[in-house]
Structures are given as structure tokens and as C-alpha cells.
Amino acid sequence: MRWRKLVEQQRASGLSVSVFSRQHGIAASSLFAWRRRLARGAEVFTPVKVVGGSKLHSASEGGDAAIELRLPGRRRLMVRRGFDRQLLLDLLGALEAKPSMPESRT
């Protein structure tokens, strides 16, 4: 990806974003935006470990295709074919967020 390479080159160069951008004929604002976007992408994806003996059950075996996600805190989440991607992302964000202080009831 072009922007990933440019971001890496800028960091390795030791130059400020402004100077690097001028030298490469790109807008500094674009480079800043791509740095943020790429950094955010790195946070979104988490390494996945495939557990030995696990298997994806298919409809031909009498069940719906599903993937089981094992989350920290011994939580499990089953994702079946046709799931709502945004709903899954929202749910994972809520589960992984730091717990907030309980609201006081008056």
C-alpha cells in the first residue's frame, strides 16, 4: 500500500511530517490522516490463535456454519453465517472497554 510505505519512510527518515511531505509532493494533512488511519487499523485487529481440534461446523453436518471467539475473561462469542458486522464490532468494543463506574441511583 502506497500510504503505508510513505508513513514508514517518513518515520524512518527522522524528518518532520511537513518537511517529508514537501519533499515528496504530498499534503502534510494527508500524511497525518493516513498515520492515524493506519494506527487505528493496528488496534482493531488482534492476533487470533486457532485452538487444536477446533473445527468449523458446516450446514452439511447438520448445523449452521459458525466461528467461536474466545475472549478474555473466559467469555465466548459464537458468530454464525450472515451476522451483522457492525453489530459484532460494537459488541466487541463494549466487551473490551474498561468498565465504567456504576451510575448512582437517586
PDB file of N, CA and C in Angstrom:
ATOM      1  N   MET A   1       0.847  -1.177   0.000  1.00  0.00           N
ATOM      2  CA  MET A   1       0.000   0.000   0.000  1.00  0.00           C
ATOM      3  C   MET A   1       0.892   1.239   0.000  1.00  0.00           C
ATOM      4  N   ARG A   2       0.609   2.152  -0.869  1.00  0.00           N
ATOM      5  CA  ARG A   2       1.424   3.359  -1.047  1.00  0.00           C
ATOM      6  C   ARG A   2       1.538   4.167   0.234  1.00  0.00           C
ATOM      7  N   TRP A   3       0.431   4.420   0.914  1.00  0.00           N
ATOM      8  CA  TRP A   3       0.450   5.275   2.100  1.00  0.00           C
ATOM      9  C   TRP A   3       1.176   4.619   3.266  1.00  0.00           C
ATOM     10  N   ARG A   4       1.020   3.323   3.407  1.00  0.00           N
ATOM     11  CA  ARG A   4       1.733   2.623   4.482  1.00  0.00           C
ATOM     12  C   ARG A   4       3.241   2.789   4.286  1.00  0.00           C
ATOM     13  N   LYS A   5       3.683   2.655   3.020  1.00  0.00           N
ATOM     14  CA  LYS A   5       5.103   2.794   2.705  1.00  0.00           C
ATOM     15  C   LYS A   5       5.577   4.219   2.986  1.00  0.00           C
ATOM     16  N   LEU A   6       4.781   5.214   2.602  1.00  0.00           N
ATOM     17  CA  LEU A   6       5.146   6.607   2.854  1.00  0.00           C
ATOM     18  C   LEU A   6       5.224   6.904   4.354  1.00  0.00           C
ATOM     19  N   VAL A   7       4.275   6.397   5.114  1.00  0.00           N
ATOM     20  CA  VAL A   7       4.287   6.615   6.571  1.00  0.00           C
ATOM     21  C   VAL A   7       5.551   5.997   7.173  1.00  0.00           C
ATOM     22  N   GLU A   8       5.877   4.789   6.755  1.00  0.00           N
ATOM     23  CA  GLU A   8       7.087   4.125   7.260  1.00  0.00           C
ATOM     24  C   GLU A   8       8.343   4.891   6.856  1.00  0.00           C
ATOM     25  N   GLN A   9       8.382   5.380   5.614  1.00  0.00           N
ATOM     26  CA  GLN A   9       9.541   6.146   5.156  1.00  0.00           C
ATOM     27  C   GLN A   9       9.698   7.436   5.957  1.00  0.00           C
ATOM     28  N   GLN A  10       8.587   8.109   6.223  1.00  0.00           N
ATOM     29  CA  GLN A  10       8.651   9.360   6.989  1.00  0.00           C
ATOM     30  C   GLN A  10       9.186   9.095   8.384  1.00  0.00           C
ATOM     31  N   ARG A  11       8.688   8.066   9.045  1.00  0.00           N
ATOM     32  CA  ARG A  11       9.167   7.751  10.395  1.00  0.00           C
ATOM     33  C   ARG A  11      10.650   7.418  10.395  1.00  0.00           C
ATOM     34  N   ALA A  12      11.085   6.629   9.417  1.00  0.00           N
ATOM     35  CA  ALA A  12      12.488   6.216   9.342  1.00  0.00           C
ATOM     36  C   ALA A  12      13.405   7.378   8.962  1.00  0.00           C
ATOM     37  N   SER A  13      12.870   8.368   8.264  1.00  0.00           N
ATOM     38  CA  SER A  13      13.697   9.475   7.766  1.00  0.00           C
ATOM     39  C   SER A  13      14.165  10.412   8.879  1.00  0.00           C
ATOM     40  N   GLY A  14      13.393  10.497   9.944  1.00  0.00           N
ATOM     41  CA  GLY A  14      13.721  11.453  11.000  1.00  0.00           C
ATOM     42  C   GLY A  14      13.266  12.863  10.667  1.00  0.00           C
ATOM     43  N   LEU A  15      12.662  13.038   9.502  1.00  0.00           N
ATOM     44  CA  LEU A  15      12.160  14.353   9.096  1.00  0.00           C
ATOM     45  C   LEU A  15      10.785  14.594   9.690  1.00  0.00           C
ATOM     46  N   SER A  16      10.451  15.857   9.865  1.00  0.00           N
ATOM     47  CA  SER A  16       9.097  16.177  10.303  1.00  0.00           C
ATOM     48  C   SER A  16       8.125  15.824   9.174  1.00  0.00           C
ATOM     49  N   VAL A  17       6.868  15.699   9.512  1.00  0.00           N
ATOM     50  CA  VAL A  17       5.851  15.401   8.502  1.00  0.00           C
ATOM     51  C   VAL A  17       5.812  16.505   7.460  1.00  0.00           C
ATOM     52  N   SER A  18       5.930  17.755   7.896  1.00  0.00           N
ATOM     53  CA  SER A  18       5.880  18.885   6.955  1.00  0.00           C
ATOM     54  C   SER A  18       7.010  18.826   5.940  1.00  0.00           C
ATOM     55  N   VAL A  19       8.232  18.624   6.413  1.00  0.00           N
ATOM     56  CA  VAL A  19       9.390  18.587   5.512  1.00  0.00           C
ATOM     57  C   VAL A  19       9.302  17.375   4.591  1.00  0.00           C
ATOM     58  N   PHE A  20       9.004  16.216   5.158  1.00  0.00           N
ATOM     59  CA  PHE A  20       8.894  14.995   4.349  1.00  0.00           C
ATOM     60  C   PHE A  20       7.825  15.155   3.272  1.00  0.00           C
ATOM     61  N   SER A  21       6.677  15.705   3.656  1.00  0.00           N
ATOM     62  CA  SER A  21       5.566  15.883   2.712  1.00  0.00           C
ATOM     63  C   SER A  21       5.960  16.816   1.571  1.00  0.00           C
ATOM     64  N   ARG A  22       6.638  17.919   1.896  1.00  0.00           N
ATOM     65  CA  ARG A  22       7.095  18.848   0.855  1.00  0.00           C
ATOM     66  C   ARG A  22       8.052  18.160  -0.109  1.00  0.00           C
ATOM     67  N   GLN A  23       8.973  17.384   0.445  1.00  0.00           N
ATOM     68  CA  GLN A  23       9.962  16.707  -0.397  1.00  0.00           C
ATOM     69  C   GLN A  23       9.324  15.669  -1.320  1.00  0.00           C
ATOM     70  N   HIS A  24       8.195  15.077  -0.891  1.00  0.00           N
ATOM     71  CA  HIS A  24       7.550  14.030  -1.680  1.00  0.00           C
ATOM     72  C   HIS A  24       6.315  14.522  -2.447  1.00  0.00           C
ATOM     73  N   GLY A  25       6.037  15.818  -2.346  1.00  0.00           N
ATOM     74  CA  GLY A  25       4.937  16.401  -3.113  1.00  0.00           C
ATOM     75  C   GLY A  25       3.567  15.923  -2.673  1.00  0.00           C
ATOM     76  N   ILE A  26       3.415  15.701  -1.378  1.00  0.00           N
ATOM     77  CA  ILE A  26       2.098  15.280  -0.851  1.00  0.00           C
ATOM     78  C   ILE A  26       1.664  16.262   0.235  1.00  0.00           C
ATOM     79  N   ALA A  27       0.389  16.307   0.501  1.00  0.00           N
ATOM     80  CA  ALA A  27      -0.136  17.191   1.538  1.00  0.00           C
ATOM     81  C   ALA A  27       0.179  16.612   2.914  1.00  0.00           C
ATOM     82  N   ALA A  28       0.704  17.462   3.791  1.00  0.00           N
ATOM     83  CA  ALA A  28       1.008  17.008   5.155  1.00  0.00           C
ATOM     84  C   ALA A  28      -0.264  16.499   5.844  1.00  0.00           C
ATOM     85  N   SER A  29      -1.392  17.131   5.575  1.00  0.00           N
ATOM     86  CA  SER A  29      -2.652  16.708   6.202  1.00  0.00           C
ATOM     87  C   SER A  29      -3.016  15.281   5.783  1.00  0.00           C
ATOM     88  N   SER A  30      -2.706  14.927   4.536  1.00  0.00           N
ATOM     89  CA  SER A  30      -2.983  13.564   4.073  1.00  0.00           C
ATOM     90  C   SER A  30      -2.097  12.555   4.798  1.00  0.00           C
ATOM     91  N   LEU A  31      -0.834  12.915   4.964  1.00  0.00           N
ATOM     92  CA  LEU A  31       0.079  12.005   5.660  1.00  0.00           C
ATOM     93  C   LEU A  31      -0.346  11.825   7.115  1.00  0.00           C
ATOM     94  N   PHE A  32      -0.732  12.930   7.777  1.00  0.00           N
ATOM     95  CA  PHE A  32      -1.227  12.824   9.152  1.00  0.00           C
ATOM     96  C   PHE A  32      -2.469  11.935   9.216  1.00  0.00           C
ATOM     97  N   ALA A  33      -3.388  12.135   8.276  1.00  0.00           N
ATOM     98  CA  ALA A  33      -4.625  11.333   8.258  1.00  0.00           C
ATOM     99  C   ALA A  33      -4.320   9.852   8.070  1.00  0.00           C
ATOM    100  N   TRP A  34      -3.393   9.543   7.170  1.00  0.00           N
ATOM    101  CA  TRP A  34      -3.055   8.135   6.944  1.00  0.00           C
ATOM    102  C   TRP A  34      -2.321   7.534   8.138  1.00  0.00           C
ATOM    103  N   ARG A  35      -1.509   8.319   8.820  1.00  0.00           N
ATOM    104  CA  ARG A  35      -0.855   7.814  10.032  1.00  0.00           C
ATOM    105  C   ARG A  35      -1.909   7.406  11.064  1.00  0.00           C
ATOM    106  N   ARG A  36      -2.913   8.277  11.246  1.00  0.00           N
ATOM    107  CA  ARG A  36      -3.999   7.961  12.196  1.00  0.00           C
ATOM    108  C   ARG A  36      -4.773   6.724  11.748  1.00  0.00           C
ATOM    109  N   ARG A  37      -5.123   6.681  10.471  1.00  0.00           N
ATOM    110  CA  ARG A  37      -5.905   5.560   9.948  1.00  0.00           C
ATOM    111  C   ARG A  37      -5.153   4.240  10.106  1.00  0.00           C
ATOM    112  N   LEU A  38      -3.874   4.236   9.766  1.00  0.00           N
ATOM    113  CA  LEU A  38      -3.087   3.006   9.876  1.00  0.00           C
ATOM    114  C   LEU A  38      -2.876   2.608  11.330  1.00  0.00           C
ATOM    115  N   ALA A  39      -2.702   3.594  12.214  1.00  0.00           N
ATOM    116  CA  ALA A  39      -2.546   3.288  13.644  1.00  0.00           C
ATOM    117  C   ALA A  39      -3.833   2.700  14.200  1.00  0.00           C
ATOM    118  N   ARG A  40      -4.964   3.246  13.783  1.00  0.00           N
ATOM    119  CA  ARG A  40      -6.259   2.732  14.236  1.00  0.00           C
ATOM    120  C   ARG A  40      -6.464   1.308  13.754  1.00  0.00           C
ATOM    121  N   GLY A  41      -6.066   1.044  12.512  1.00  0.00           N
ATOM    122  CA  GLY A  41      -6.200  -0.297  11.956  1.00  0.00           C
ATOM    123  C   GLY A  41      -5.393  -1.306  12.733  1.00  0.00           C
ATOM    124  N   ALA A  42      -4.235  -0.893  13.224  1.00  0.00           N
ATOM    125  CA  ALA A  42      -3.391  -1.794  14.003  1.00  0.00           C
ATOM    126  C   ALA A  42      -4.063  -2.162  15.316  1.00  0.00           C
ATOM    127  N   GLU A  43      -4.868  -1.247  15.860  1.00  0.00           N
ATOM    128  CA  GLU A  43      -5.548  -1.519  17.120  1.00  0.00           C
ATOM    129  C   GLU A  43      -6.774  -2.399  16.928  1.00  0.00           C
ATOM    130  N   VAL A  44      -7.382  -2.301  15.751  1.00  0.00           N
ATOM    131  CA  VAL A  44      -8.616  -3.038  15.511  1.00  0.00           C
ATOM    132  C   VAL A  44      -8.373  -4.534  15.440  1.00  0.00           C
ATOM    133  N   PHE A  45      -7.302  -4.949  14.803  1.00  0.00           N
ATOM    134  CA  PHE A  45      -7.053  -6.365  14.596  1.00  0.00           C
ATOM    135  C   PHE A  45      -6.219  -6.933  15.727  1.00  0.00           C
ATOM    136  N   THR A  46      -6.647  -8.062  16.214  1.00  0.00           N
ATOM    137  CA  THR A  46      -5.968  -8.753  17.288  1.00  0.00           C
ATOM    138  C   THR A  46      -5.536 -10.115  16.782  1.00  0.00           C
ATOM    139  N   PRO A  47      -4.329 -10.547  17.150  1.00  0.00           N
ATOM    140  CA  PRO A  47      -3.913 -11.884  16.708  1.00  0.00           C
ATOM    141  C   PRO A  47      -4.918 -12.942  17.148  1.00  0.00           C
ATOM    142  N   VAL A  48      -5.137 -13.904  16.302  1.00  0.00           N
ATOM    143  CA  VAL A  48      -6.075 -14.983  16.585  1.00  0.00           C
ATOM    144  C   VAL A  48      -5.307 -16.282  16.700  1.00  0.00           C
ATOM    145  N   LYS A  49      -5.607 -17.049  17.716  1.00  0.00           N
ATOM    146  CA  LYS A  49      -4.968 -18.345  17.893  1.00  0.00           C
ATOM    147  C   LYS A  49      -5.985 -19.424  17.566  1.00  0.00           C
ATOM    148  N   VAL A  50      -5.628 -20.307  16.647  1.00  0.00           N
ATOM    149  CA  VAL A  50      -6.504 -21.423  16.305  1.00  0.00           C
ATOM    150  C   VAL A  50      -6.190 -22.550  17.274  1.00  0.00           C
ATOM    151  N   VAL A  51      -7.197 -22.957  18.012  1.00  0.00           N
ATOM    152  CA  VAL A  51      -7.014 -23.997  19.016  1.00  0.00           C
ATOM    153  C   VAL A  51      -7.081 -25.358  18.351  1.00  0.00           C
ATOM    154  N   GLY A  52      -6.115 -26.204  18.643  1.00  0.00           N
ATOM    155  CA  GLY A  52      -6.084 -27.540  18.066  1.00  0.00           C
ATOM    156  C   GLY A  52      -7.360 -28.306  18.337  1.00  0.00           C
ATOM    157  N   GLY A  53      -7.811 -29.034  17.346  1.00  0.00           N
ATOM    158  CA  GLY A  53      -9.023 -29.843  17.499  1.00  0.00           C
ATOM    159  C   GLY A  53     -10.302 -29.068  17.254  1.00  0.00           C
ATOM    160  N   SER A  54     -10.201 -27.722  17.130  1.00  0.00           N
ATOM    161  CA  SER A  54     -11.418 -26.961  16.874  1.00  0.00           C
ATOM    162  C   SER A  54     -11.774 -27.098  15.406  1.00  0.00           C
ATOM    163  N   LYS A  55     -13.047 -26.933  15.103  1.00  0.00           N
ATOM    164  CA  LYS A  55     -13.455 -27.076  13.718  1.00  0.00           C
ATOM    165  C   LYS A  55     -14.663 -26.225  13.449  1.00  0.00           C
ATOM    166  N   LEU A  56     -14.783 -25.807  12.222  1.00  0.00           N
ATOM    167  CA  LEU A  56     -15.924 -25.025  11.783  1.00  0.00           C
ATOM    168  C   LEU A  56     -17.016 -26.006  11.386  1.00  0.00           C
ATOM    169  N   HIS A  57     -18.134 -25.946  12.068  1.00  0.00           N
ATOM    170  CA  HIS A  57     -19.234 -26.857  11.771  1.00  0.00           C
ATOM    171  C   HIS A  57     -20.025 -26.301  10.602  1.00  0.00           C
ATOM    172  N   SER A  58     -20.240 -27.106   9.602  1.00  0.00           N
ATOM    173  CA  SER A  58     -20.941 -26.625   8.417  1.00  0.00           C
ATOM    174  C   SER A  58     -22.382 -27.102   8.404  1.00  0.00           C
ATOM    175  N   ALA A  59     -23.160 -26.463   7.554  1.00  0.00           N
ATOM    176  CA  ALA A  59     -24.574 -26.816   7.428  1.00  0.00           C
ATOM    177  C   ALA A  59     -24.726 -28.258   6.967  1.00  0.00           C
ATOM    178  N   SER A  60     -23.764 -28.763   6.184  1.00  0.00           N
ATOM    179  CA  SER A  60     -23.867 -30.135   5.694  1.00  0.00           C
ATOM    180  C   SER A  60     -23.722 -31.153   6.830  1.00  0.00           C
ATOM    181  N   GLU A  61     -23.200 -30.712   7.967  1.00  0.00           N
ATOM    182  CA  GLU A  61     -23.061 -31.603   9.124  1.00  0.00           C
ATOM    183  C   GLU A  61     -24.242 -31.456  10.080  1.00  0.00           C
ATOM    184  N   GLY A  62     -25.265 -30.772   9.632  1.00  0.00           N
ATOM    185  CA  GLY A  62     -26.460 -30.655  10.440  1.00  0.00           C
ATOM    186  C   GLY A  62     -26.517 -29.404  11.292  1.00  0.00           C
ATOM    187  N   GLY A  63     -25.637 -28.458  11.069  1.00  0.00           N
ATOM    188  CA  GLY A  63     -25.660 -27.220  11.843  1.00  0.00           C
ATOM    189  C   GLY A  63     -25.330 -26.043  10.954  1.00  0.00           C
ATOM    190  N   ASP A  64     -25.535 -24.853  11.488  1.00  0.00           N
ATOM    191  CA  ASP A  64     -25.159 -23.646  10.760  1.00  0.00           C
ATOM    192  C   ASP A  64     -23.660 -23.448  10.899  1.00  0.00           C
ATOM    193  N   ALA A  65     -23.019 -22.914   9.848  1.00  0.00           N
ATOM    194  CA  ALA A  65     -21.596 -22.599   9.933  1.00  0.00           C
ATOM    195  C   ALA A  65     -21.406 -21.558  11.019  1.00  0.00           C
ATOM    196  N   ALA A  66     -20.393 -21.741  11.861  1.00  0.00           N
ATOM    197  CA  ALA A  66     -20.178 -20.819  12.974  1.00  0.00           C
ATOM    198  C   ALA A  66     -18.706 -20.773  13.343  1.00  0.00           C
ATOM    199  N   ILE A  67     -18.315 -19.658  13.926  1.00  0.00           N
ATOM    200  CA  ILE A  67     -16.980 -19.492  14.475  1.00  0.00           C
ATOM    201  C   ILE A  67     -17.153 -19.076  15.926  1.00  0.00           C
ATOM    202  N   GLU A  68     -16.402 -19.705  16.806  1.00  0.00           N
ATOM    203  CA  GLU A  68     -16.454 -19.347  18.218  1.00  0.00           C
ATOM    204  C   GLU A  68     -15.247 -18.488  18.552  1.00  0.00           C
ATOM    205  N   LEU A  69     -15.495 -17.300  19.089  1.00  0.00           N
ATOM    206  CA  LEU A  69     -14.427 -16.414  19.537  1.00  0.00           C
ATOM    207  C   LEU A  69     -14.305 -16.558  21.046  1.00  0.00           C
ATOM    208  N   ARG A  70     -13.109 -16.824  21.517  1.00  0.00           N
ATOM    209  CA  ARG A  70     -12.866 -16.893  22.962  1.00  0.00           C
ATOM    210  C   ARG A  70     -12.201 -15.591  23.365  1.00  0.00           C
ATOM    211  N   LEU A  71     -12.885 -14.859  24.200  1.00  0.00           N
ATOM    212  CA  LEU A  71     -12.443 -13.538  24.608  1.00  0.00           C
ATOM    213  C   LEU A  71     -11.828 -13.590  25.997  1.00  0.00           C
ATOM    214  N   PRO A  72     -11.069 -12.554  26.372  1.00  0.00           N
ATOM    215  CA  PRO A  72     -10.526 -12.517  27.727  1.00  0.00           C
ATOM    216  C   PRO A  72     -11.645 -12.615  28.759  1.00  0.00           C
ATOM    217  N   GLY A  73     -11.316 -13.135  29.920  1.00  0.00           N
ATOM    218  CA  GLY A  73     -12.316 -13.254  30.971  1.00  0.00           C
ATOM    219  C   GLY A  73     -13.220 -14.454  30.783  1.00  0.00           C
ATOM    220  N   ARG A  74     -12.756 -15.447  30.048  1.00  0.00           N
ATOM    221  CA  ARG A  74     -13.485 -16.692  29.810  1.00  0.00           C
ATOM    222  C   ARG A  74     -14.812 -16.477  29.098  1.00  0.00           C
ATOM    223  N   ARG A  75     -14.912 -15.366  28.355  1.00  0.00           N
ATOM    224  CA  ARG A  75     -16.133 -15.117  27.585  1.00  0.00           C
ATOM    225  C   ARG A  75     -15.994 -15.754  26.221  1.00  0.00           C
ATOM    226  N   ARG A  76     -17.113 -16.211  25.685  1.00  0.00           N
ATOM    227  CA  ARG A  76     -17.150 -16.813  24.352  1.00  0.00           C
ATOM    228  C   ARG A  76     -18.245 -16.147  23.541  1.00  0.00           C
ATOM    229  N   LEU A  77     -17.975 -16.037  22.259  1.00  0.00           N
ATOM    230  CA  LEU A  77     -18.938 -15.422  21.370  1.00  0.00           C
ATOM    231  C   LEU A  77     -19.036 -16.289  20.126  1.00  0.00           C
ATOM    232  N   MET A  78     -20.231 -16.725  19.783  1.00  0.00           N
ATOM    233  CA  MET A  78     -20.450 -17.561  18.604  1.00  0.00           C
ATOM    234  C   MET A  78     -20.952 -16.673  17.469  1.00  0.00           C
ATOM    235  N   VAL A  79     -20.259 -16.728  16.328  1.00  0.00           N
ATOM    236  CA  VAL A  79     -20.627 -15.931  15.159  1.00  0.00           C
ATOM    237  C   VAL A  79     -21.066 -16.885  14.066  1.00  0.00           C
ATOM    238  N   ARG A  80     -22.275 -16.695  13.591  1.00  0.00           N
ATOM    239  CA  ARG A  80     -22.822 -17.561  12.547  1.00  0.00           C
ATOM    240  C   ARG A  80     -22.895 -16.806  11.227  1.00  0.00           C
ATOM    241  N   ARG A  81     -23.001 -17.563  10.161  1.00  0.00           N
ATOM    242  CA  ARG A  81     -23.121 -17.003   8.813  1.00  0.00           C
ATOM    243  C   ARG A  81     -24.242 -15.959   8.789  1.00  0.00           C
ATOM    244  N   GLY A  82     -23.975 -14.838   8.108  1.00  0.00           N
ATOM    245  CA  GLY A  82     -24.985 -13.804   7.964  1.00  0.00           C
ATOM    246  C   GLY A  82     -25.025 -12.807   9.113  1.00  0.00           C
ATOM    247  N   PHE A  83     -24.011 -12.830  10.013  1.00  0.00           N
ATOM    248  CA  PHE A  83     -24.019 -11.910  11.146  1.00  0.00           C
ATOM    249  C   PHE A  83     -23.884 -10.471  10.662  1.00  0.00           C
ATOM    250  N   ASP A  84     -24.302  -9.546  11.505  1.00  0.00           N
ATOM    251  CA  ASP A  84     -24.197  -8.119  11.216  1.00  0.00           C
ATOM    252  C   ASP A  84     -22.811  -7.655  11.667  1.00  0.00           C
ATOM    253  N   ARG A  85     -21.947  -7.318  10.717  1.00  0.00           N
ATOM    254  CA  ARG A  85     -20.555  -6.966  11.007  1.00  0.00           C
ATOM    255  C   ARG A  85     -20.452  -5.803  11.994  1.00  0.00           C
ATOM    256  N   GLN A  86     -21.219  -4.730  11.766  1.00  0.00           N
ATOM    257  CA  GLN A  86     -21.134  -3.559  12.641  1.00  0.00           C
ATOM    258  C   GLN A  86     -21.613  -3.892  14.050  1.00  0.00           C
ATOM    259  N   LEU A  87     -22.646  -4.708  14.150  1.00  0.00           N
ATOM    260  CA  LEU A  87     -23.128  -5.110  15.468  1.00  0.00           C
ATOM    261  C   LEU A  87     -22.049  -5.892  16.214  1.00  0.00           C
ATOM    262  N   LEU A  88     -21.343  -6.775  15.511  1.00  0.00           N
ATOM    263  CA  LEU A  88     -20.254  -7.533  16.132  1.00  0.00           C
ATOM    264  C   LEU A  88     -19.152  -6.592  16.609  1.00  0.00           C
ATOM    265  N   LEU A  89     -18.756  -5.625  15.771  1.00  0.00           N
ATOM    266  CA  LEU A  89     -17.725  -4.665  16.171  1.00  0.00           C
ATOM    267  C   LEU A  89     -18.159  -3.855  17.385  1.00  0.00           C
ATOM    268  N   ASP A  90     -19.415  -3.413  17.407  1.00  0.00           N
ATOM    269  CA  ASP A  90     -19.933  -2.664  18.552  1.00  0.00           C
ATOM    270  C   ASP A  90     -19.916  -3.515  19.814  1.00  0.00           C
ATOM    271  N   LEU A  91     -20.341  -4.769  19.689  1.00  0.00           N
ATOM    272  CA  LEU A  91     -20.370  -5.675  20.836  1.00  0.00           C
ATOM    273  C   LEU A  91     -18.967  -5.928  21.374  1.00  0.00           C
ATOM    274  N   LEU A  92     -18.017  -6.205  20.477  1.00  0.00           N
ATOM    275  CA  LEU A  92     -16.639  -6.431  20.911  1.00  0.00           C
ATOM    276  C   LEU A  92     -16.059  -5.192  21.576  1.00  0.00           C
ATOM    277  N   GLY A  93     -16.359  -4.021  21.026  1.00  0.00           N
ATOM    278  CA  GLY A  93     -15.896  -2.773  21.635  1.00  0.00           C
ATOM    279  C   GLY A  93     -16.447  -2.599  23.034  1.00  0.00           C
ATOM    280  N   ALA A  94     -17.720  -2.930  23.216  1.00  0.00           N
ATOM    281  CA  ALA A  94     -18.340  -2.815  24.536  1.00  0.00           C
ATOM    282  C   ALA A  94     -17.750  -3.829  25.516  1.00  0.00           C
ATOM    283  N   LEU A  95     -17.505  -5.038  25.053  1.00  0.00           N
ATOM    284  CA  LEU A  95     -16.956  -6.073  25.936  1.00  0.00           C
ATOM    285  C   LEU A  95     -15.521  -5.779  26.342  1.00  0.00           C
ATOM    286  N   GLU A  96     -14.756  -5.170  25.444  1.00  0.00           N
ATOM    287  CA  GLU A  96     -13.348  -4.918  25.719  1.00  0.00           C
ATOM    288  C   GLU A  96     -13.098  -3.565  26.368  1.00  0.00           C
ATOM    289  N   ALA A  97     -14.128  -2.715  26.455  1.00  0.00           N
ATOM    290  CA  ALA A  97     -13.969  -1.399  27.072  1.00  0.00           C
ATOM    291  C   ALA A  97     -13.761  -1.556  28.576  1.00  0.00           C
ATOM    292  N   LYS A  98     -13.045  -0.607  29.120  1.00  0.00           N
ATOM    293  CA  LYS A  98     -12.852  -0.620  30.568  1.00  0.00           C
ATOM    294  C   LYS A  98     -14.195  -0.373  31.226  1.00  0.00           C
ATOM    295  N   PRO A  99     -14.500  -1.113  32.285  1.00  0.00           N
ATOM    296  CA  PRO A  99     -15.791  -0.899  32.945  1.00  0.00           C
ATOM    297  C   PRO A  99     -15.878   0.500  33.528  1.00  0.00           C
ATOM    298  N   SER A 100     -17.003   1.084  33.363  1.00  0.00           N
ATOM    299  CA  SER A 100     -17.205   2.434  33.918  1.00  0.00           C
ATOM    300  C   SER A 100     -17.773   2.317  35.320  1.00  0.00           C
ATOM    301  N   MET A 101     -17.730   3.416  36.028  1.00  0.00           N
ATOM    302  CA  MET A 101     -18.284   3.436  37.373  1.00  0.00           C
ATOM    303  C   MET A 101     -19.796   3.299  37.277  1.00  0.00           C
ATOM    304  N   PRO A 102     -20.390   2.497  38.154  1.00  0.00           N
ATOM    305  CA  PRO A 102     -21.846   2.362  38.104  1.00  0.00           C
ATOM    306  C   PRO A 102     -22.515   3.695  38.405  1.00  0.00           C
ATOM    307  N   GLU A 103     -23.604   3.931  37.705  1.00  0.00           N
ATOM    308  CA  GLU A 103     -24.346   5.167  37.952  1.00  0.00           C
ATOM    309  C   GLU A 103     -25.025   5.093  39.297  1.00  0.00           C
ATOM    310  N   SER A 104     -25.017   6.199  40.011  1.00  0.00           N
ATOM    311  CA  SER A 104     -25.713   6.207  41.308  1.00  0.00           C
ATOM    312  C   SER A 104     -27.194   6.442  41.046  1.00  0.00           C
ATOM    313  N   ARG A 105     -27.998   5.745  41.776  1.00  0.00           N
ATOM    314  CA  ARG A 105     -29.458   5.889  41.611  1.00  0.00           C
ATOM    315  C   ARG A 105     -29.978   6.717  42.765  1.00  0.00           C
ATOM    316  N   THR A 106     -30.622   7.804  42.413  1.00  0.00           N
ATOM    317  CA  THR A 106     -31.153   8.676  43.471  1.00  0.00           C
ATOM    318  C   THR A 106     -32.641   8.756  43.387  1.00  0.00           C
TER     319      THR A 106
END
